[in-house]
């Protein structure tokens, strides 16, 4: 199955006539096109002046994300994408950096990607530079990103918190709630930039494994525009490694969003195109519970109210059940069970309202049936444990990785999971 797509400014001419054109409004002030909606235009006016390579990377990452979401994944086969993207410097992306991008997308999605960059004129608009910052930190709306923000809240660093959202009201609400709560904890204005980009209409593919490249590209472009040398991605190491809970599961469904191999590839790509930014996860050696304890030690019980509003759920399908709620963490998918396990490490209780506790009768039974595999896989992993082979099955780790420390980290993550009461 091959999908040919071309992503281009709404006023540009198409190069690949056999491809489906996805027109993108040039600025956020222009009317959205039929294909692409959001607050970010092709000119990247919401981000501001920065290196051409960073802007082109955002365009490529956005194109891949749009292609990913509009193309249903046939089971068990992979998809093949022929992706044509209009860029200011196409020569860069039709050489080694383009190959790095194709390999990174394959690593993230499991699909085959062929990238072709074609020339586009640079914007003739004067973009306003961002005020300088020392760090750009991702604020995803999840529990880890909130905890990371709390841990760094009073370090005296000039920081931009960056969010990306598409059509999920639950994620958008969680990001806004986290930002508002963080602002209430400091006397200075919190710099929070929120960017929306999505395809118009309902996505054909429910997964979005390419989103991590888009998020990273947006963060790198924002950091470069603000003369910041770094992007910080707060994520616990157990989720980052994402060890297979069973032999058949393939790394808890093979998500590699924050795997060390992903950051290694991202940083190699940024260096190859001359973007002076590095992407790092300072919490790689923490379990989710250890990261939560660290943030709780900073903020006390006030953190728990904000934590209850974060979104960790990997399914977010609460709207399909009678009496359900699309904004609630389900409580039974693997991501939710890891979340629930994190609250068992300290003396604090979990204040989250989970869908499994919200539903009753046939609706609850239906949810239990849909999550049966997740629950059984967690039970099996707790009984069998995780070893070196399981960890390597997810993908290669950078050469400098302390492998013994990673194994110990995964064992501690399993201990947290083992304390979650399962139905």
Protein backbone atom coordinates (compact mmCIF):
# COMPACT_ATOMS: atom_id res chain seq x y z
CA UNK A 1 0.00 0.00 0.00
CA UNK A 2 1.63 3.25 -1.16
CA UNK A 3 0.34 6.71 -0.30
CA UNK A 4 1.62 9.67 -2.33
CA UNK A 5 1.08 13.07 -0.75
CA UNK A 6 2.37 16.57 -1.47
CA UNK A 7 2.27 19.25 1.23
CA UNK A 8 2.50 22.80 -0.08
CA UNK A 9 1.50 26.39 0.66
CA UNK A 10 -2.05 27.14 -0.45
CA UNK A 11 -0.85 29.56 -3.16
CA UNK A 12 1.92 27.33 -4.59
CA UNK A 13 1.93 25.11 -7.66
CA UNK A 14 1.95 21.35 -7.21
CA UNK A 15 5.07 19.50 -8.41
CA UNK A 16 3.96 15.87 -8.20
CA UNK A 17 0.67 15.65 -10.09
CA UNK A 18 0.09 12.01 -9.15
CA UNK A 19 0.15 12.86 -5.43
CA UNK A 20 -2.76 14.03 -3.31
CA UNK A 21 -2.21 17.70 -2.51
CA UNK A 22 -2.48 18.92 1.08
CA UNK A 23 -2.64 22.71 0.92
CA UNK A 24 -1.48 24.62 3.98
CA UNK A 25 -2.38 28.25 4.68
CA UNK A 26 0.71 30.48 4.72
CA UNK A 27 -0.07 32.24 8.01
CA UNK A 28 -2.32 31.72 10.98
CA UNK A 29 -4.30 34.78 9.86
CA UNK A 30 -5.23 33.15 6.54
CA UNK A 31 -8.37 31.08 6.27
CA UNK A 32 -7.68 27.38 6.93
CA UNK A 33 -7.51 25.20 3.86
CA UNK A 34 -9.74 22.19 3.30
CA UNK A 35 -6.85 19.88 4.18
CA UNK A 36 -4.88 21.52 7.01
CA UNK A 37 -6.20 23.38 10.04
CA UNK A 38 -4.58 24.93 13.08
CA UNK A 39 -2.81 27.98 14.44
CA UNK A 40 0.47 27.56 12.56
CA UNK A 41 0.93 28.67 8.97
CA UNK A 42 3.44 27.34 6.44
CA UNK A 43 5.51 30.49 7.08
CA UNK A 44 5.75 29.53 10.78
CA UNK A 45 4.57 32.99 11.79
CA UNK A 46 3.51 31.76 15.22
CA UNK A 47 7.05 30.58 15.99
CA UNK A 48 8.91 33.59 14.61
CA UNK A 49 12.23 34.22 12.91
CA UNK A 50 14.69 31.36 13.04
CA UNK A 51 17.00 29.24 10.89
CA UNK A 52 15.64 28.15 7.52
CA UNK A 53 16.61 24.54 8.28
CA UNK A 54 14.48 24.56 11.44
CA UNK A 55 11.46 25.89 9.54
CA UNK A 56 11.91 23.31 6.79
CA UNK A 57 12.16 20.53 9.39
CA UNK A 58 8.82 21.63 10.85
CA UNK A 59 7.26 21.53 7.39
CA UNK A 60 8.56 18.02 6.78
CA UNK A 61 7.53 16.78 10.24
CA UNK A 62 4.06 18.30 9.83
CA UNK A 63 3.72 16.69 6.42
CA UNK A 64 4.64 13.29 7.86
CA UNK A 65 2.19 13.75 10.73
CA UNK A 66 -0.63 14.68 8.35
CA UNK A 67 0.18 11.72 6.13
CA UNK A 68 0.29 9.40 9.13
CA UNK A 69 -3.12 10.48 10.47
CA UNK A 70 -4.95 10.41 7.13
CA UNK A 71 -3.75 6.94 6.06
CA UNK A 72 -5.28 3.95 7.89
CA UNK A 73 -2.82 1.27 8.92
CA UNK A 74 -3.62 -2.15 7.39
CA UNK A 75 -3.03 -4.93 9.87
CA UNK A 76 -0.45 -6.44 9.95
CA UNK A 77 1.14 -4.72 6.95
CA UNK A 78 3.22 -1.56 6.93
CA UNK A 79 2.42 1.50 4.87
CA UNK A 80 4.66 3.10 2.26
CA UNK A 81 4.67 6.88 1.89
CA UNK A 82 5.87 8.95 -1.04
CA UNK A 83 6.05 12.36 0.61
CA UNK A 84 6.71 15.52 -1.40
CA UNK A 85 7.26 18.64 0.71
CA UNK A 86 7.86 22.24 -0.35
CA UNK A 87 10.95 23.56 1.44
CA UNK A 88 13.12 26.66 1.13
CA UNK A 89 16.34 24.63 0.89
CA UNK A 90 15.38 21.38 -0.86
CA UNK A 91 19.01 20.43 -1.57
CA UNK A 92 19.55 19.84 2.14
CA UNK A 93 16.67 17.39 2.42
CA UNK A 94 17.40 15.55 -0.82
CA UNK A 95 20.77 14.48 0.55
CA UNK A 96 22.00 12.81 3.77
CA UNK A 97 19.67 14.72 6.18
CA UNK A 98 16.69 13.52 4.16
CA UNK A 99 17.87 9.94 4.56
CA UNK A 100 18.23 10.49 8.31
CA UNK A 101 14.66 11.80 8.37
CA UNK A 102 13.35 8.78 6.46
CA UNK A 103 15.14 6.42 8.85
CA UNK A 104 13.83 8.30 11.89
CA UNK A 105 10.26 8.11 10.60
CA UNK A 106 10.67 4.39 9.93
CA UNK A 107 12.02 3.92 13.47
CA UNK A 108 9.04 5.78 14.94
CA UNK A 109 6.20 4.42 12.82
CA UNK A 110 7.42 1.12 11.38
CA UNK A 111 6.45 2.35 7.91
CA UNK A 112 8.54 3.00 4.81
CA UNK A 113 9.07 6.66 3.96
CA UNK A 114 10.41 8.25 0.78
CA UNK A 115 10.97 11.98 1.11
CA UNK A 116 11.30 14.38 -1.81
CA UNK A 117 11.86 18.06 -1.13
CA UNK A 118 10.95 20.58 -3.84
CA UNK A 119 11.75 24.31 -3.95
CA UNK A 120 9.52 26.91 -2.38
CA UNK A 121 10.11 30.61 -2.01
CA UNK A 122 11.04 31.94 1.40
CA UNK A 123 8.43 34.03 3.15
CA UNK A 124 8.44 37.73 2.30
CA UNK A 125 6.92 38.57 5.67
CA UNK A 126 8.96 40.04 8.48
CA UNK A 127 8.80 37.52 11.32
CA UNK A 128 9.24 38.82 14.83
CA UNK A 129 12.10 37.15 16.75
CA UNK A 130 11.22 35.46 20.03
CA UNK A 131 12.54 36.91 23.25
CA UNK A 132 15.62 34.92 24.30
CA UNK A 133 15.18 31.79 26.42
CA UNK A 134 17.55 29.28 28.00
CA UNK A 135 15.32 26.25 27.60
CA UNK A 136 12.22 25.03 25.78
CA UNK A 137 10.32 22.42 27.77
CA UNK A 138 7.53 20.30 26.34
CA UNK A 139 4.20 20.59 28.17
CA UNK A 140 2.19 17.75 26.67
CA UNK A 141 -0.70 17.66 29.13
CA UNK A 142 0.58 14.42 30.67
CA UNK A 143 1.59 13.73 34.26
CA UNK A 144 5.32 13.53 33.50
CA UNK A 145 5.45 16.88 31.73
CA UNK A 146 3.66 18.53 34.66
CA UNK A 147 6.08 16.95 37.13
CA UNK A 148 9.08 18.02 35.08
CA UNK A 149 7.78 21.57 34.90
CA UNK A 150 7.28 21.63 38.67
CA UNK A 151 10.77 20.28 39.27
CA UNK A 152 12.26 23.13 37.20
CA UNK A 153 9.79 25.85 38.16
CA UNK A 154 12.07 27.78 40.51
CA UNK A 155 15.47 27.14 38.94
CA UNK A 156 15.84 30.71 37.67
CA UNK A 157 15.99 29.63 34.03
CA UNK A 158 14.20 31.65 31.34
CA UNK A 159 11.98 28.97 29.85
CA UNK A 160 9.33 28.53 27.19
CA UNK A 161 6.76 25.79 27.80
CA UNK A 162 5.60 24.41 24.46
CA UNK A 163 2.42 22.45 23.75
CA UNK A 164 1.11 20.83 20.58
CA UNK A 165 -2.49 19.72 20.19
CA UNK A 166 -4.69 18.52 17.38
CA UNK A 167 -8.36 17.62 17.73
CA UNK A 168 -8.39 16.17 21.24
CA UNK A 169 -10.27 18.38 23.66
CA UNK A 170 -9.00 16.24 26.55
CA UNK A 171 -5.35 16.93 25.70
CA UNK A 172 -5.99 20.62 25.06
CA UNK A 173 -7.85 20.97 28.37
CA UNK A 174 -5.05 19.17 30.24
CA UNK A 175 -2.42 21.46 28.73
CA UNK A 176 -4.38 24.59 29.63
CA UNK A 177 -5.04 23.38 33.16
CA UNK A 178 -1.37 22.55 33.70
CA UNK A 179 -0.28 25.92 32.34
CA UNK A 180 -2.76 27.83 34.53
CA UNK A 181 -1.76 25.91 37.63
CA UNK A 182 1.95 26.43 36.98
CA UNK A 183 1.31 30.15 36.51
CA UNK A 184 -0.40 30.24 39.91
CA UNK A 185 2.78 28.92 41.52
CA UNK A 186 5.09 31.72 40.34
CA UNK A 187 5.06 35.51 40.48
CA UNK A 188 6.54 36.06 37.02
CA UNK A 189 4.65 35.50 33.74
CA UNK A 190 4.88 31.93 32.50
CA UNK A 191 5.81 31.68 28.84
CA UNK A 192 3.51 29.08 27.33
CA UNK A 193 3.30 28.65 23.56
CA UNK A 194 0.52 26.40 22.29
CA UNK A 195 0.47 25.26 18.66
CA UNK A 196 -2.34 23.46 16.89
CA UNK A 197 -1.87 21.64 13.62
CA UNK A 198 -4.11 18.91 12.30
CA UNK A 199 -5.90 17.68 9.22
CA UNK A 200 -9.43 18.92 8.68
CA UNK A 201 -12.03 16.28 9.37
CA UNK A 202 -11.76 13.06 11.31
CA UNK A 203 -8.38 11.26 11.11
CA UNK A 204 -8.47 7.92 9.32
CA UNK A 205 -5.72 6.49 11.57
CA UNK A 206 -6.17 6.49 15.35
CA UNK A 207 -2.47 6.15 16.19
CA UNK A 208 -0.03 9.03 15.76
CA UNK A 209 3.46 7.61 16.12
CA UNK A 210 4.92 10.39 13.98
CA UNK A 211 3.72 13.04 16.43
CA UNK A 212 6.95 12.85 18.43
CA UNK A 213 8.92 14.10 15.39
CA UNK A 214 6.46 16.96 14.91
CA UNK A 215 6.62 17.91 18.59
CA UNK A 216 10.43 17.77 18.54
CA UNK A 217 10.62 19.82 15.34
CA UNK A 218 8.30 22.49 16.74
CA UNK A 219 10.37 22.61 19.93
CA UNK A 220 13.69 22.80 18.05
CA UNK A 221 12.40 25.60 15.83
CA UNK A 222 11.08 27.49 18.87
CA UNK A 223 14.38 27.02 20.71
CA UNK A 224 16.40 28.18 17.69
CA UNK A 225 14.16 31.24 17.29
CA UNK A 226 14.68 32.08 20.96
CA UNK A 227 18.45 31.39 20.86
CA UNK A 228 17.97 28.54 23.32
CA UNK A 229 20.51 25.72 23.11
CA UNK A 230 18.25 22.99 24.44
CA UNK A 231 14.87 21.31 24.47
CA UNK A 232 13.85 19.43 27.62
CA UNK A 233 11.44 16.51 27.35
CA UNK A 234 10.26 15.33 30.80
CA UNK A 235 9.40 11.64 30.57
CA UNK A 236 9.97 8.77 32.97
CA UNK A 237 12.49 6.19 31.83
CA UNK A 238 10.20 3.15 32.11
CA UNK A 239 7.82 4.64 29.56
CA UNK A 240 10.74 5.86 27.44
CA UNK A 241 12.23 2.38 27.21
CA UNK A 242 8.72 0.91 26.84
CA UNK A 243 9.82 -2.70 27.42
CA UNK A 244 7.60 -5.41 25.95
CA UNK A 245 5.23 -6.67 28.61
CA UNK A 246 4.82 -9.94 26.70
CA UNK A 247 6.60 -11.53 23.75
CA UNK A 248 3.73 -10.67 21.40
CA UNK A 249 3.28 -7.10 22.52
CA UNK A 250 6.32 -5.58 20.83
CA UNK A 251 7.30 -2.87 23.26
CA UNK A 252 3.82 -2.13 24.52
CA UNK A 253 2.68 -1.61 20.93
CA UNK A 254 6.10 -0.33 19.78
CA UNK A 255 5.74 3.31 20.75
CA UNK A 256 9.18 4.92 20.68
CA UNK A 257 8.28 8.57 21.24
CA UNK A 258 10.89 9.23 23.94
CA UNK A 259 13.14 6.19 23.57
CA UNK A 260 16.87 7.05 23.91
CA UNK A 261 17.31 5.86 20.34
CA UNK A 262 14.80 8.48 19.23
CA UNK A 263 16.67 11.31 20.95
CA UNK A 264 19.97 10.05 19.53
CA UNK A 265 18.52 10.12 16.01
CA UNK A 266 16.87 13.50 16.53
CA UNK A 267 20.08 15.09 17.77
CA UNK A 268 22.04 13.60 14.88
CA UNK A 269 19.51 15.10 12.46
CA UNK A 270 19.63 18.54 14.11
CA UNK A 271 23.43 18.52 13.96
CA UNK A 272 23.41 17.42 10.31
CA UNK A 273 21.32 20.42 9.22
CA UNK A 274 23.10 22.92 11.50
CA UNK A 275 20.35 23.59 14.02
CA UNK A 276 22.22 24.52 17.24
CA UNK A 277 19.80 22.78 19.61
CA UNK A 278 19.98 19.51 21.54
CA UNK A 279 17.02 17.48 22.84
CA UNK A 280 17.33 15.73 26.18
CA UNK A 281 15.29 13.86 28.79
CA UNK A 282 16.74 14.53 32.26
CA UNK A 283 14.41 11.97 33.87
CA UNK A 284 15.46 8.94 31.89
CA UNK A 285 16.69 7.13 35.03
CA UNK A 286 13.47 7.78 36.98
CA UNK A 287 10.35 5.67 37.07
CA UNK A 288 7.05 7.50 36.83
CA UNK A 289 6.58 7.15 40.57
CA UNK A 290 10.05 8.53 41.31
CA UNK A 291 9.39 11.53 39.08
CA UNK A 292 6.05 12.11 40.82
CA UNK A 293 7.70 11.91 44.25
CA UNK A 294 10.33 14.41 43.12
CA UNK A 295 7.67 16.90 41.99
CA UNK A 296 5.57 16.30 45.11
CA UNK A 297 8.57 17.11 47.26
CA UNK A 298 8.78 20.45 45.43
CA UNK A 299 5.12 21.45 45.46
CA UNK A 300 3.44 19.39 48.19
CA UNK A 301 -0.15 18.23 48.03
CA UNK A 302 -1.11 21.19 45.86
CA UNK A 303 0.43 19.24 42.99
CA UNK A 304 -2.18 16.50 43.29
CA UNK A 305 -5.10 18.67 42.16
CA UNK A 306 -3.23 19.63 39.01
CA UNK A 307 -2.05 16.04 38.51
CA UNK A 308 -5.64 14.77 38.53
CA UNK A 309 -6.37 16.84 35.41
CA UNK A 310 -3.45 15.47 33.37
CA UNK A 311 -3.99 12.95 30.56
CA UNK A 312 -1.93 9.75 30.43
CA UNK A 313 -4.42 7.46 28.71
CA UNK A 314 -3.33 5.71 25.53
CA UNK A 315 -6.90 5.10 24.35
CA UNK A 316 -9.16 8.05 25.39
CA UNK A 317 -12.25 6.29 24.07
CA UNK A 318 -14.59 7.15 26.95
CA UNK A 319 -17.08 8.79 24.61
CA UNK A 320 -18.07 5.47 23.05
CA UNK A 321 -19.61 4.07 26.26
CA UNK A 322 -23.09 4.90 27.49
CA UNK A 323 -22.62 7.25 30.42
CA UNK A 324 -18.92 7.66 29.55
CA UNK A 325 -16.72 10.72 29.32
CA UNK A 326 -14.23 11.29 26.50
CA UNK A 327 -12.01 13.41 28.77
CA UNK A 328 -11.30 10.73 31.39
CA UNK A 329 -8.25 8.49 31.61
CA UNK A 330 -9.60 4.97 31.18
CA UNK A 331 -7.60 3.51 34.09
CA UNK A 332 -6.96 0.14 32.43
CA UNK A 333 -4.75 0.63 29.37
CA UNK A 334 -1.03 0.09 29.90
CA UNK A 335 -0.31 3.84 30.06
CA UNK A 336 -3.03 4.31 32.69
CA UNK A 337 -1.81 1.35 34.75
CA UNK A 338 1.73 2.81 34.75
CA UNK A 339 0.20 6.11 35.85
CA UNK A 340 -1.75 4.45 38.65
CA UNK A 341 1.38 2.60 39.75
CA UNK A 342 3.24 5.89 40.12
CA UNK A 343 0.90 7.00 42.89
CA UNK A 344 1.72 3.88 44.94
CA UNK A 345 5.34 4.90 45.57
CA UNK A 346 4.69 7.73 48.02
CA UNK A 347 2.16 8.46 50.76
CA UNK A 348 -0.01 10.58 48.44
CA UNK A 349 -3.24 9.16 47.09
CA UNK A 350 -4.26 9.15 43.44
CA UNK A 351 -6.94 11.85 43.01
CA UNK A 352 -7.68 10.94 39.39
CA UNK A 353 -11.22 10.02 38.36
CA UNK A 354 -10.83 7.04 36.00
CA UNK A 355 -13.36 5.92 33.44
CA UNK A 356 -13.38 2.38 34.87
CA UNK A 357 -14.64 3.78 38.18
CA UNK A 358 -17.02 6.23 36.49
CA UNK A 359 -18.87 3.62 34.43
CA UNK A 360 -21.38 1.07 35.71
CA UNK A 361 -23.30 -1.94 34.46
CA UNK A 362 -22.92 -2.99 30.80
CA UNK A 363 -20.73 0.02 29.98
CA UNK A 364 -18.15 -0.97 32.55
CA UNK A 365 -18.25 -4.59 31.38
CA UNK A 366 -17.65 -3.40 27.82
CA UNK A 367 -14.61 -1.38 28.93
CA UNK A 368 -13.24 -4.39 30.82
CA UNK A 369 -13.59 -6.53 27.69
CA UNK A 370 -11.78 -3.97 25.55
CA UNK A 371 -8.92 -3.69 28.05
CA UNK A 372 -8.61 -7.40 28.80
CA UNK A 373 -5.38 -7.75 26.82
CA UNK A 374 -3.76 -4.78 28.56
CA UNK A 375 -4.59 -6.15 32.00
CA UNK A 376 -3.44 -9.67 31.17
CA UNK A 377 -0.18 -8.40 29.67
CA UNK A 378 0.59 -6.39 32.80
CA UNK A 379 -0.17 -9.41 34.98
CA UNK A 380 2.11 -11.58 32.83
CA UNK A 381 4.95 -9.05 32.95
CA UNK A 382 4.72 -8.76 36.72
CA UNK A 383 4.95 -12.58 37.00
CA UNK A 384 7.71 -13.07 34.41
CA UNK A 385 9.78 -9.95 34.89
CA UNK A 386 11.77 -8.07 32.24
CA UNK A 387 15.28 -9.00 31.19
CA UNK A 388 18.00 -7.66 28.89
CA UNK A 389 16.59 -9.37 25.81
CA UNK A 390 13.19 -7.76 26.34
CA UNK A 391 14.78 -4.32 26.53
CA UNK A 392 16.89 -4.86 23.42
CA UNK A 393 13.81 -6.05 21.54
CA UNK A 394 12.44 -2.49 21.62
CA UNK A 395 15.39 -1.16 19.62
CA UNK A 396 19.02 -0.19 19.89
CA UNK A 397 20.23 1.97 22.74
CA UNK A 398 22.97 4.61 22.32
CA UNK A 399 26.47 3.18 22.97
CA UNK A 400 26.95 5.29 26.10
CA UNK A 401 23.84 3.85 27.81
CA UNK A 402 24.38 2.20 31.19
CA UNK A 403 22.59 -1.05 30.42
CA UNK A 404 22.62 -2.34 34.00
CA UNK A 405 20.95 0.88 35.13
CA UNK A 406 18.27 0.47 32.45
CA UNK A 407 17.51 -3.09 33.59
CA UNK A 408 17.24 -1.89 37.19
CA UNK A 409 14.97 0.97 36.09
CA UNK A 410 12.60 -1.45 34.36
CA UNK A 411 12.49 -3.69 37.42
CA UNK A 412 11.52 -0.70 39.57
CA UNK A 413 8.85 0.25 37.06
CA UNK A 414 7.42 -3.27 37.24
CA UNK A 415 7.33 -3.03 41.03
CA UNK A 416 5.12 0.05 40.75
CA UNK A 417 2.85 -1.78 38.30
CA UNK A 418 2.62 -4.79 40.63
CA UNK A 419 0.96 -2.63 43.30
CA UNK A 420 -1.97 -1.61 41.09
CA UNK A 421 -5.18 -3.52 41.93
CA UNK A 422 -6.47 -5.13 38.75
CA UNK A 423 -10.04 -6.23 37.99
